[in-house]
Amino acid sequence: VGFAYDGRTMLFERVTAALDTSSRVAIVGANGVGKSTLLKVLLGDVEPTAGMVRRHAHARISRFTQHHMDQLDLRLAPLAWFRELYPT
């Protein structure tokens, strides 16, 4: 798969990955290299410029961005925070 914003050079190209339903993947890299855009392509938020994305019907893709840190109560352990949000 590849992607470029309108009229620009390819942000990434020839990206190939095969993941099974038990895979856990982290995408890390320097600012501005296309990590968020790649996730948007994988999630279907934007269409790839080249190639295609095929997702398994039972695959679940989640994302946790640096902006989510503002929503966390850092005094609590993750499970305690989750229980506070969803007590039932």
PDB file of N, CA and C in Angstrom:
ATOM      1  N   VAL A   1       0.842  -1.167   0.000  1.00  0.00           N
ATOM      2  CA  VAL A   1       0.000   0.000   0.000  1.00  0.00           C
ATOM      3  C   VAL A   1       0.892   1.237   0.000  1.00  0.00           C
ATOM      4  N   GLY A   2       0.389   2.303  -0.543  1.00  0.00           N
ATOM      5  CA  GLY A   2       1.110   3.562  -0.549  1.00  0.00           C
ATOM      6  C   GLY A   2       0.131   4.714  -0.397  1.00  0.00           C
ATOM      7  N   PHE A   3       0.653   5.853   0.032  1.00  0.00           N
ATOM      8  CA  PHE A   3      -0.225   7.006   0.222  1.00  0.00           C
ATOM      9  C   PHE A   3       0.539   8.299  -0.017  1.00  0.00           C
ATOM     10  N   ALA A   4      -0.158   9.230  -0.663  1.00  0.00           N
ATOM     11  CA  ALA A   4       0.339  10.600  -0.839  1.00  0.00           C
ATOM     12  C   ALA A   4      -0.839  11.540  -0.706  1.00  0.00           C
ATOM     13  N   TYR A   5      -0.638  12.652  -0.029  1.00  0.00           N
ATOM     14  CA  TYR A   5      -1.661  13.682  -0.001  1.00  0.00           C
ATOM     15  C   TYR A   5      -1.706  14.336  -1.375  1.00  0.00           C
ATOM     16  N   ASP A   6      -2.824  14.913  -1.742  1.00  0.00           N
ATOM     17  CA  ASP A   6      -3.030  15.493  -3.067  1.00  0.00           C
ATOM     18  C   ASP A   6      -1.847  16.340  -3.532  1.00  0.00           C
ATOM     19  N   GLY A   7      -1.306  15.968  -4.690  1.00  0.00           N
ATOM     20  CA  GLY A   7      -0.252  16.759  -5.308  1.00  0.00           C
ATOM     21  C   GLY A   7       1.109  16.682  -4.643  1.00  0.00           C
ATOM     22  N   ARG A   8       1.288  15.802  -3.706  1.00  0.00           N
ATOM     23  CA  ARG A   8       2.571  15.691  -2.999  1.00  0.00           C
ATOM     24  C   ARG A   8       3.249  14.378  -3.330  1.00  0.00           C
ATOM     25  N   THR A   9       4.503  14.263  -2.944  1.00  0.00           N
ATOM     26  CA  THR A   9       5.215  13.010  -3.147  1.00  0.00           C
ATOM     27  C   THR A   9       4.683  11.965  -2.181  1.00  0.00           C
ATOM     28  N   MET A  10       4.922  10.716  -2.485  1.00  0.00           N
ATOM     29  CA  MET A  10       4.433   9.610  -1.660  1.00  0.00           C
ATOM     30  C   MET A  10       4.985   9.741  -0.238  1.00  0.00           C
ATOM     31  N   LEU A  11       4.098   9.658   0.725  1.00  0.00           N
ATOM     32  CA  LEU A  11       4.500   9.680   2.131  1.00  0.00           C
ATOM     33  C   LEU A  11       5.110   8.335   2.504  1.00  0.00           C
ATOM     34  N   PHE A  12       4.483   7.276   2.006  1.00  0.00           N
ATOM     35  CA  PHE A  12       5.047   5.925   2.114  1.00  0.00           C
ATOM     36  C   PHE A  12       4.552   5.122   0.927  1.00  0.00           C
ATOM     37  N   GLU A  13       5.327   4.105   0.553  1.00  0.00           N
ATOM     38  CA  GLU A  13       4.935   3.258  -0.563  1.00  0.00           C
ATOM     39  C   GLU A  13       5.509   1.868  -0.378  1.00  0.00           C
ATOM     40  N   ARG A  14       4.878   0.932  -1.053  1.00  0.00           N
ATOM     41  CA  ARG A  14       5.263  -0.485  -1.011  1.00  0.00           C
ATOM     42  C   ARG A  14       5.297  -1.033   0.420  1.00  0.00           C
ATOM     43  N   VAL A  15       4.375  -0.586   1.257  1.00  0.00           N
ATOM     44  CA  VAL A  15       4.257  -1.122   2.612  1.00  0.00           C
ATOM     45  C   VAL A  15       3.457  -2.414   2.527  1.00  0.00           C
ATOM     46  N   THR A  16       4.028  -3.481   3.026  1.00  0.00           N
ATOM     47  CA  THR A  16       3.374  -4.783   3.011  1.00  0.00           C
ATOM     48  C   THR A  16       3.431  -5.366   4.409  1.00  0.00           C
ATOM     49  N   ALA A  17       2.307  -5.874   4.880  1.00  0.00           N
ATOM     50  CA  ALA A  17       2.269  -6.512   6.189  1.00  0.00           C
ATOM     51  C   ALA A  17       1.169  -7.558   6.186  1.00  0.00           C
ATOM     52  N   ALA A  18       1.422  -8.637   6.874  1.00  0.00           N
ATOM     53  CA  ALA A  18       0.409  -9.670   7.066  1.00  0.00           C
ATOM     54  C   ALA A  18       0.378  -9.975   8.557  1.00  0.00           C
ATOM     55  N   LEU A  19      -0.750  -9.714   9.172  1.00  0.00           N
ATOM     56  CA  LEU A  19      -0.896  -9.907  10.611  1.00  0.00           C
ATOM     57  C   LEU A  19      -2.051 -10.850  10.859  1.00  0.00           C
ATOM     58  N   ASP A  20      -1.921 -11.701  11.869  1.00  0.00           N
ATOM     59  CA  ASP A  20      -3.057 -12.555  12.203  1.00  0.00           C
ATOM     60  C   ASP A  20      -3.835 -11.927  13.347  1.00  0.00           C
ATOM     61  N   THR A  21      -4.951 -12.525  13.707  1.00  0.00           N
ATOM     62  CA  THR A  21      -5.853 -11.912  14.687  1.00  0.00           C
ATOM     63  C   THR A  21      -5.274 -11.853  16.099  1.00  0.00           C
ATOM     64  N   SER A  22      -4.182 -12.558  16.353  1.00  0.00           N
ATOM     65  CA  SER A  22      -3.574 -12.475  17.683  1.00  0.00           C
ATOM     66  C   SER A  22      -2.355 -11.552  17.696  1.00  0.00           C
ATOM     67  N   SER A  23      -2.075 -10.872  16.605  1.00  0.00           N
ATOM     68  CA  SER A  23      -0.918  -9.977  16.526  1.00  0.00           C
ATOM     69  C   SER A  23      -1.123  -8.731  17.373  1.00  0.00           C
ATOM     70  N   ARG A  24      -0.035  -8.240  17.912  1.00  0.00           N
ATOM     71  CA  ARG A  24      -0.009  -6.956  18.608  1.00  0.00           C
ATOM     72  C   ARG A  24       1.119  -6.168  17.968  1.00  0.00           C
ATOM     73  N   VAL A  25       0.815  -4.983  17.476  1.00  0.00           N
ATOM     74  CA  VAL A  25       1.782  -4.207  16.712  1.00  0.00           C
ATOM     75  C   VAL A  25       1.831  -2.794  17.256  1.00  0.00           C
ATOM     76  N   ALA A  26       3.018  -2.244  17.335  1.00  0.00           N
ATOM     77  CA  ALA A  26       3.201  -0.831  17.666  1.00  0.00           C
ATOM     78  C   ALA A  26       3.881  -0.173  16.478  1.00  0.00           C
ATOM     79  N   ILE A  27       3.419   1.007  16.120  1.00  0.00           N
ATOM     80  CA  ILE A  27       4.033   1.765  15.041  1.00  0.00           C
ATOM     81  C   ILE A  27       4.729   2.954  15.684  1.00  0.00           C
ATOM     82  N   VAL A  28       6.045   2.971  15.601  1.00  0.00           N
ATOM     83  CA  VAL A  28       6.831   4.034  16.223  1.00  0.00           C
ATOM     84  C   VAL A  28       7.761   4.651  15.186  1.00  0.00           C
ATOM     85  N   GLY A  29       8.094   5.898  15.387  1.00  0.00           N
ATOM     86  CA  GLY A  29       9.008   6.577  14.473  1.00  0.00           C
ATOM     87  C   GLY A  29       9.028   8.063  14.762  1.00  0.00           C
ATOM     88  N   ALA A  30       9.853   8.736  14.032  1.00  0.00           N
ATOM     89  CA  ALA A  30      10.010  10.185  14.203  1.00  0.00           C
ATOM     90  C   ALA A  30       8.737  10.914  13.782  1.00  0.00           C
ATOM     91  N   ASN A  31       8.587  12.131  14.244  1.00  0.00           N
ATOM     92  CA  ASN A  31       7.442  12.953  13.858  1.00  0.00           C
ATOM     93  C   ASN A  31       7.454  13.213  12.359  1.00  0.00           C
ATOM     94  N   GLY A  32       6.275  13.156  11.757  1.00  0.00           N
ATOM     95  CA  GLY A  32       6.137  13.527  10.357  1.00  0.00           C
ATOM     96  C   GLY A  32       6.474  12.463   9.335  1.00  0.00           C
ATOM     97  N   VAL A  33       6.713  11.226   9.765  1.00  0.00           N
ATOM     98  CA  VAL A  33       7.098  10.188   8.798  1.00  0.00           C
ATOM     99  C   VAL A  33       5.916   9.387   8.269  1.00  0.00           C
ATOM    100  N   GLY A  34       4.692   9.632   8.791  1.00  0.00           N
ATOM    101  CA  GLY A  34       3.513   8.972   8.244  1.00  0.00           C
ATOM    102  C   GLY A  34       2.868   7.918   9.117  1.00  0.00           C
ATOM    103  N   LYS A  35       3.219   7.850  10.391  1.00  0.00           N
ATOM    104  CA  LYS A  35       2.641   6.832  11.281  1.00  0.00           C
ATOM    105  C   LYS A  35       1.126   6.980  11.402  1.00  0.00           C
ATOM    106  N   SER A  36       0.667   8.179  11.699  1.00  0.00           N
ATOM    107  CA  SER A  36      -0.771   8.410  11.855  1.00  0.00           C
ATOM    108  C   SER A  36      -1.504   8.198  10.537  1.00  0.00           C
ATOM    109  N   THR A  37      -0.891   8.616   9.446  1.00  0.00           N
ATOM    110  CA  THR A  37      -1.513   8.438   8.135  1.00  0.00           C
ATOM    111  C   THR A  37      -1.618   6.958   7.793  1.00  0.00           C
ATOM    112  N   LEU A  38      -0.584   6.184   8.104  1.00  0.00           N
ATOM    113  CA  LEU A  38      -0.644   4.738   7.869  1.00  0.00           C
ATOM    114  C   LEU A  38      -1.790   4.124   8.658  1.00  0.00           C
ATOM    115  N   LEU A  39      -1.958   4.519   9.906  1.00  0.00           N
ATOM    116  CA  LEU A  39      -3.076   4.010  10.699  1.00  0.00           C
ATOM    117  C   LEU A  39      -4.411   4.416  10.093  1.00  0.00           C
ATOM    118  N   LYS A  40      -4.512   5.641   9.605  1.00  0.00           N
ATOM    119  CA  LYS A  40      -5.754   6.089   8.964  1.00  0.00           C
ATOM    120  C   LYS A  40      -6.063   5.249   7.732  1.00  0.00           C
ATOM    121  N   VAL A  41      -5.027   4.892   6.972  1.00  0.00           N
ATOM    122  CA  VAL A  41      -5.222   4.027   5.810  1.00  0.00           C
ATOM    123  C   VAL A  41      -5.684   2.649   6.266  1.00  0.00           C
ATOM    124  N   LEU A  42      -5.035   2.097   7.287  1.00  0.00           N
ATOM    125  CA  LEU A  42      -5.406   0.763   7.787  1.00  0.00           C
ATOM    126  C   LEU A  42      -6.830   0.732   8.332  1.00  0.00           C
ATOM    127  N   LEU A  43      -7.251   1.819   8.973  1.00  0.00           N
ATOM    128  CA  LEU A  43      -8.587   1.894   9.556  1.00  0.00           C
ATOM    129  C   LEU A  43      -9.662   2.250   8.533  1.00  0.00           C
ATOM    130  N   GLY A  44      -9.251   2.676   7.345  1.00  0.00           N
ATOM    131  CA  GLY A  44     -10.217   3.055   6.323  1.00  0.00           C
ATOM    132  C   GLY A  44     -10.668   4.503   6.431  1.00  0.00           C
ATOM    133  N   ASP A  45      -9.990   5.298   7.255  1.00  0.00           N
ATOM    134  CA  ASP A  45     -10.332   6.718   7.377  1.00  0.00           C
ATOM    135  C   ASP A  45      -9.968   7.480   6.107  1.00  0.00           C
ATOM    136  N   VAL A  46      -8.904   7.057   5.435  1.00  0.00           N
ATOM    137  CA  VAL A  46      -8.503   7.612   4.139  1.00  0.00           C
ATOM    138  C   VAL A  46      -8.209   6.455   3.198  1.00  0.00           C
ATOM    139  N   GLU A  47      -8.396   6.697   1.918  1.00  0.00           N
ATOM    140  CA  GLU A  47      -8.149   5.670   0.906  1.00  0.00           C
ATOM    141  C   GLU A  47      -6.680   5.694   0.495  1.00  0.00           C
ATOM    142  N   PRO A  48      -6.076   4.529   0.297  1.00  0.00           N
ATOM    143  CA  PRO A  48      -4.687   4.514  -0.163  1.00  0.00           C
ATOM    144  C   PRO A  48      -4.577   5.082  -1.578  1.00  0.00           C
ATOM    145  N   THR A  49      -3.456   5.688  -1.859  1.00  0.00           N
ATOM    146  CA  THR A  49      -3.175   6.195  -3.192  1.00  0.00           C
ATOM    147  C   THR A  49      -2.794   5.046  -4.116  1.00  0.00           C
ATOM    148  N   ALA A  50      -2.121   4.060  -3.574  1.00  0.00           N
ATOM    149  CA  ALA A  50      -1.690   2.890  -4.339  1.00  0.00           C
ATOM    150  C   ALA A  50      -1.944   1.646  -3.511  1.00  0.00           C
ATOM    151  N   GLY A  51      -2.230   0.553  -4.179  1.00  0.00           N
ATOM    152  CA  GLY A  51      -2.411  -0.709  -3.486  1.00  0.00           C
ATOM    153  C   GLY A  51      -3.761  -0.822  -2.802  1.00  0.00           C
ATOM    154  N   MET A  52      -3.833  -1.762  -1.854  1.00  0.00           N
ATOM    155  CA  MET A  52      -5.100  -1.995  -1.175  1.00  0.00           C
ATOM    156  C   MET A  52      -4.858  -2.517   0.231  1.00  0.00           C
ATOM    157  N   VAL A  53      -5.881  -2.382   1.050  1.00  0.00           N
ATOM    158  CA  VAL A  53      -5.856  -2.890   2.416  1.00  0.00           C
ATOM    159  C   VAL A  53      -6.966  -3.912   2.530  1.00  0.00           C
ATOM    160  N   ARG A  54      -6.621  -5.100   3.005  1.00  0.00           N
ATOM    161  CA  ARG A  54      -7.631  -6.127   3.274  1.00  0.00           C
ATOM    162  C   ARG A  54      -7.605  -6.431   4.759  1.00  0.00           C
ATOM    163  N   ARG A  55      -8.745  -6.262   5.405  1.00  0.00           N
ATOM    164  CA  ARG A  55      -8.855  -6.529   6.835  1.00  0.00           C
ATOM    165  C   ARG A  55      -9.715  -7.768   7.060  1.00  0.00           C
ATOM    166  N   HIS A  56      -9.293  -8.598   7.970  1.00  0.00           N
ATOM    167  CA  HIS A  56     -10.074  -9.757   8.361  1.00  0.00           C
ATOM    168  C   HIS A  56     -11.348  -9.266   9.053  1.00  0.00           C
ATOM    169  N   ALA A  57     -12.446  -9.938   8.828  1.00  0.00           N
ATOM    170  CA  ALA A  57     -13.727  -9.518   9.403  1.00  0.00           C
ATOM    171  C   ALA A  57     -13.703  -9.470  10.928  1.00  0.00           C
ATOM    172  N   HIS A  58     -12.852 -10.279  11.562  1.00  0.00           N
ATOM    173  CA  HIS A  58     -12.801 -10.319  13.031  1.00  0.00           C
ATOM    174  C   HIS A  58     -11.622  -9.544  13.609  1.00  0.00           C
ATOM    175  N   ALA A  59     -10.856  -8.883  12.754  1.00  0.00           N
ATOM    176  CA  ALA A  59      -9.718  -8.111  13.254  1.00  0.00           C
ATOM    177  C   ALA A  59     -10.214  -6.874  13.991  1.00  0.00           C
ATOM    178  N   ARG A  60      -9.527  -6.545  15.074  1.00  0.00           N
ATOM    179  CA  ARG A  60      -9.832  -5.320  15.816  1.00  0.00           C
ATOM    180  C   ARG A  60      -8.581  -4.457  15.808  1.00  0.00           C
ATOM    181  N   ILE A  61      -8.734  -3.232  15.392  1.00  0.00           N
ATOM    182  CA  ILE A  61      -7.619  -2.300  15.376  1.00  0.00           C
ATOM    183  C   ILE A  61      -7.937  -1.192  16.364  1.00  0.00           C
ATOM    184  N   SER A  62      -7.021  -0.974  17.287  1.00  0.00           N
ATOM    185  CA  SER A  62      -7.179   0.085  18.280  1.00  0.00           C
ATOM    186  C   SER A  62      -5.986   1.014  18.187  1.00  0.00           C
ATOM    187  N   ARG A  63      -6.193   2.226  18.646  1.00  0.00           N
ATOM    188  CA  ARG A  63      -5.072   3.152  18.656  1.00  0.00           C
ATOM    189  C   ARG A  63      -5.090   3.945  19.955  1.00  0.00           C
ATOM    190  N   PHE A  64      -3.911   4.257  20.404  1.00  0.00           N
ATOM    191  CA  PHE A  64      -3.737   5.077  21.597  1.00  0.00           C
ATOM    192  C   PHE A  64      -2.711   6.134  21.233  1.00  0.00           C
ATOM    193  N   THR A  65      -3.155   7.364  21.125  1.00  0.00           N
ATOM    194  CA  THR A  65      -2.261   8.429  20.704  1.00  0.00           C
ATOM    195  C   THR A  65      -1.779   9.232  21.906  1.00  0.00           C
ATOM    196  N   GLN A  66      -0.812  10.060  21.662  1.00  0.00           N
ATOM    197  CA  GLN A  66      -0.286  10.898  22.741  1.00  0.00           C
ATOM    198  C   GLN A  66      -1.360  11.825  23.292  1.00  0.00           C
ATOM    199  N   HIS A  67      -2.382  12.117  22.495  1.00  0.00           N
ATOM    200  CA  HIS A  67      -3.442  13.011  22.943  1.00  0.00           C
ATOM    201  C   HIS A  67      -4.380  12.334  23.947  1.00  0.00           C
ATOM    202  N   HIS A  68      -4.373  11.013  23.993  1.00  0.00           N
ATOM    203  CA  HIS A  68      -5.193  10.308  24.968  1.00  0.00           C
ATOM    204  C   HIS A  68      -4.653  10.484  26.392  1.00  0.00           C
ATOM    205  N   MET A  69      -3.392  10.832  26.520  1.00  0.00           N
ATOM    206  CA  MET A  69      -2.807  11.005  27.848  1.00  0.00           C
ATOM    207  C   MET A  69      -3.548  12.082  28.642  1.00  0.00           C
ATOM    208  N   ASP A  70      -4.105  13.058  27.969  1.00  0.00           N
ATOM    209  CA  ASP A  70      -4.835  14.131  28.647  1.00  0.00           C
ATOM    210  C   ASP A  70      -6.101  13.620  29.315  1.00  0.00           C
ATOM    211  N   GLN A  71      -6.612  12.487  28.869  1.00  0.00           N
ATOM    212  CA  GLN A  71      -7.867  11.944  29.384  1.00  0.00           C
ATOM    213  C   GLN A  71      -7.652  10.975  30.550  1.00  0.00           C
ATOM    214  N   LEU A  72      -6.414  10.555  30.779  1.00  0.00           N
ATOM    215  CA  LEU A  72      -6.142   9.554  31.809  1.00  0.00           C
ATOM    216  C   LEU A  72      -5.984  10.184  33.182  1.00  0.00           C
ATOM    217  N   ASP A  73      -6.415   9.431  34.201  1.00  0.00           N
ATOM    218  CA  ASP A  73      -6.139   9.807  35.583  1.00  0.00           C
ATOM    219  C   ASP A  73      -4.874   9.043  35.965  1.00  0.00           C
ATOM    220  N   LEU A  74      -3.746   9.701  35.936  1.00  0.00           N
ATOM    221  CA  LEU A  74      -2.459   9.039  36.136  1.00  0.00           C
ATOM    222  C   LEU A  74      -2.221   8.611  37.584  1.00  0.00           C
ATOM    223  N   ARG A  75      -3.154   8.970  38.474  1.00  0.00           N
ATOM    224  CA  ARG A  75      -3.033   8.507  39.861  1.00  0.00           C
ATOM    225  C   ARG A  75      -3.499   7.065  40.001  1.00  0.00           C
ATOM    226  N   LEU A  76      -4.270   6.590  39.026  1.00  0.00           N
ATOM    227  CA  LEU A  76      -4.843   5.247  39.080  1.00  0.00           C
ATOM    228  C   LEU A  76      -4.097   4.280  38.177  1.00  0.00           C
ATOM    229  N   ALA A  77      -4.089   3.014  38.567  1.00  0.00           N
ATOM    230  CA  ALA A  77      -3.590   1.965  37.687  1.00  0.00           C
ATOM    231  C   ALA A  77      -4.573   1.841  36.510  1.00  0.00           C
ATOM    232  N   PRO A  78      -4.130   1.372  35.358  1.00  0.00           N
ATOM    233  CA  PRO A  78      -5.015   1.302  34.193  1.00  0.00           C
ATOM    234  C   PRO A  78      -6.325   0.555  34.449  1.00  0.00           C
ATOM    235  N   LEU A  79      -6.267  -0.579  35.122  1.00  0.00           N
ATOM    236  CA  LEU A  79      -7.482  -1.348  35.374  1.00  0.00           C
ATOM    237  C   LEU A  79      -8.424  -0.600  36.328  1.00  0.00           C
ATOM    238  N   ALA A  80      -7.873   0.044  37.341  1.00  0.00           N
ATOM    239  CA  ALA A  80      -8.695   0.821  38.268  1.00  0.00           C
ATOM    240  C   ALA A  80      -9.366   1.990  37.543  1.00  0.00           C
ATOM    241  N   TRP A  81      -8.652   2.646  36.648  1.00  0.00           N
ATOM    242  CA  TRP A  81      -9.222   3.739  35.856  1.00  0.00           C
ATOM    243  C   TRP A  81     -10.360   3.228  34.978  1.00  0.00           C
ATOM    244  N   PHE A  82     -10.140   2.086  34.337  1.00  0.00           N
ATOM    245  CA  PHE A  82     -11.161   1.488  33.477  1.00  0.00           C
ATOM    246  C   PHE A  82     -12.399   1.117  34.294  1.00  0.00           C
ATOM    247  N   ARG A  83     -12.196   0.547  35.477  1.00  0.00           N
ATOM    248  CA  ARG A  83     -13.331   0.187  36.351  1.00  0.00           C
ATOM    249  C   ARG A  83     -14.104   1.418  36.808  1.00  0.00           C
ATOM    250  N   GLU A  84     -13.394   2.512  36.996  1.00  0.00           N
ATOM    251  CA  GLU A  84     -14.063   3.739  37.382  1.00  0.00           C
ATOM    252  C   GLU A  84     -14.941   4.273  36.237  1.00  0.00           C
ATOM    253  N   LEU A  85     -14.435   4.155  35.026  1.00  0.00           N
ATOM    254  CA  LEU A  85     -15.205   4.593  33.858  1.00  0.00           C
ATOM    255  C   LEU A  85     -16.412   3.689  33.583  1.00  0.00           C
ATOM    256  N   TYR A  86     -16.207   2.384  33.766  1.00  0.00           N
ATOM    257  CA  TYR A  86     -17.248   1.394  33.435  1.00  0.00           C
ATOM    258  C   TYR A  86     -17.480   0.483  34.644  1.00  0.00           C
ATOM    259  N   PRO A  87     -18.184   0.970  35.659  1.00  0.00           N
ATOM    260  CA  PRO A  87     -18.336   0.212  36.901  1.00  0.00           C
ATOM    261  C   PRO A  87     -19.105  -1.110  36.744  1.00  0.00           C
ATOM    262  N   THR A  88     -19.948  -1.227  35.756  1.00  0.00           N
ATOM    263  CA  THR A  88     -20.715  -2.459  35.606  1.00  0.00           C
ATOM    264  C   THR A  88     -20.003  -3.434  34.687  1.00  0.00           C
TER     265      THR A  88
END
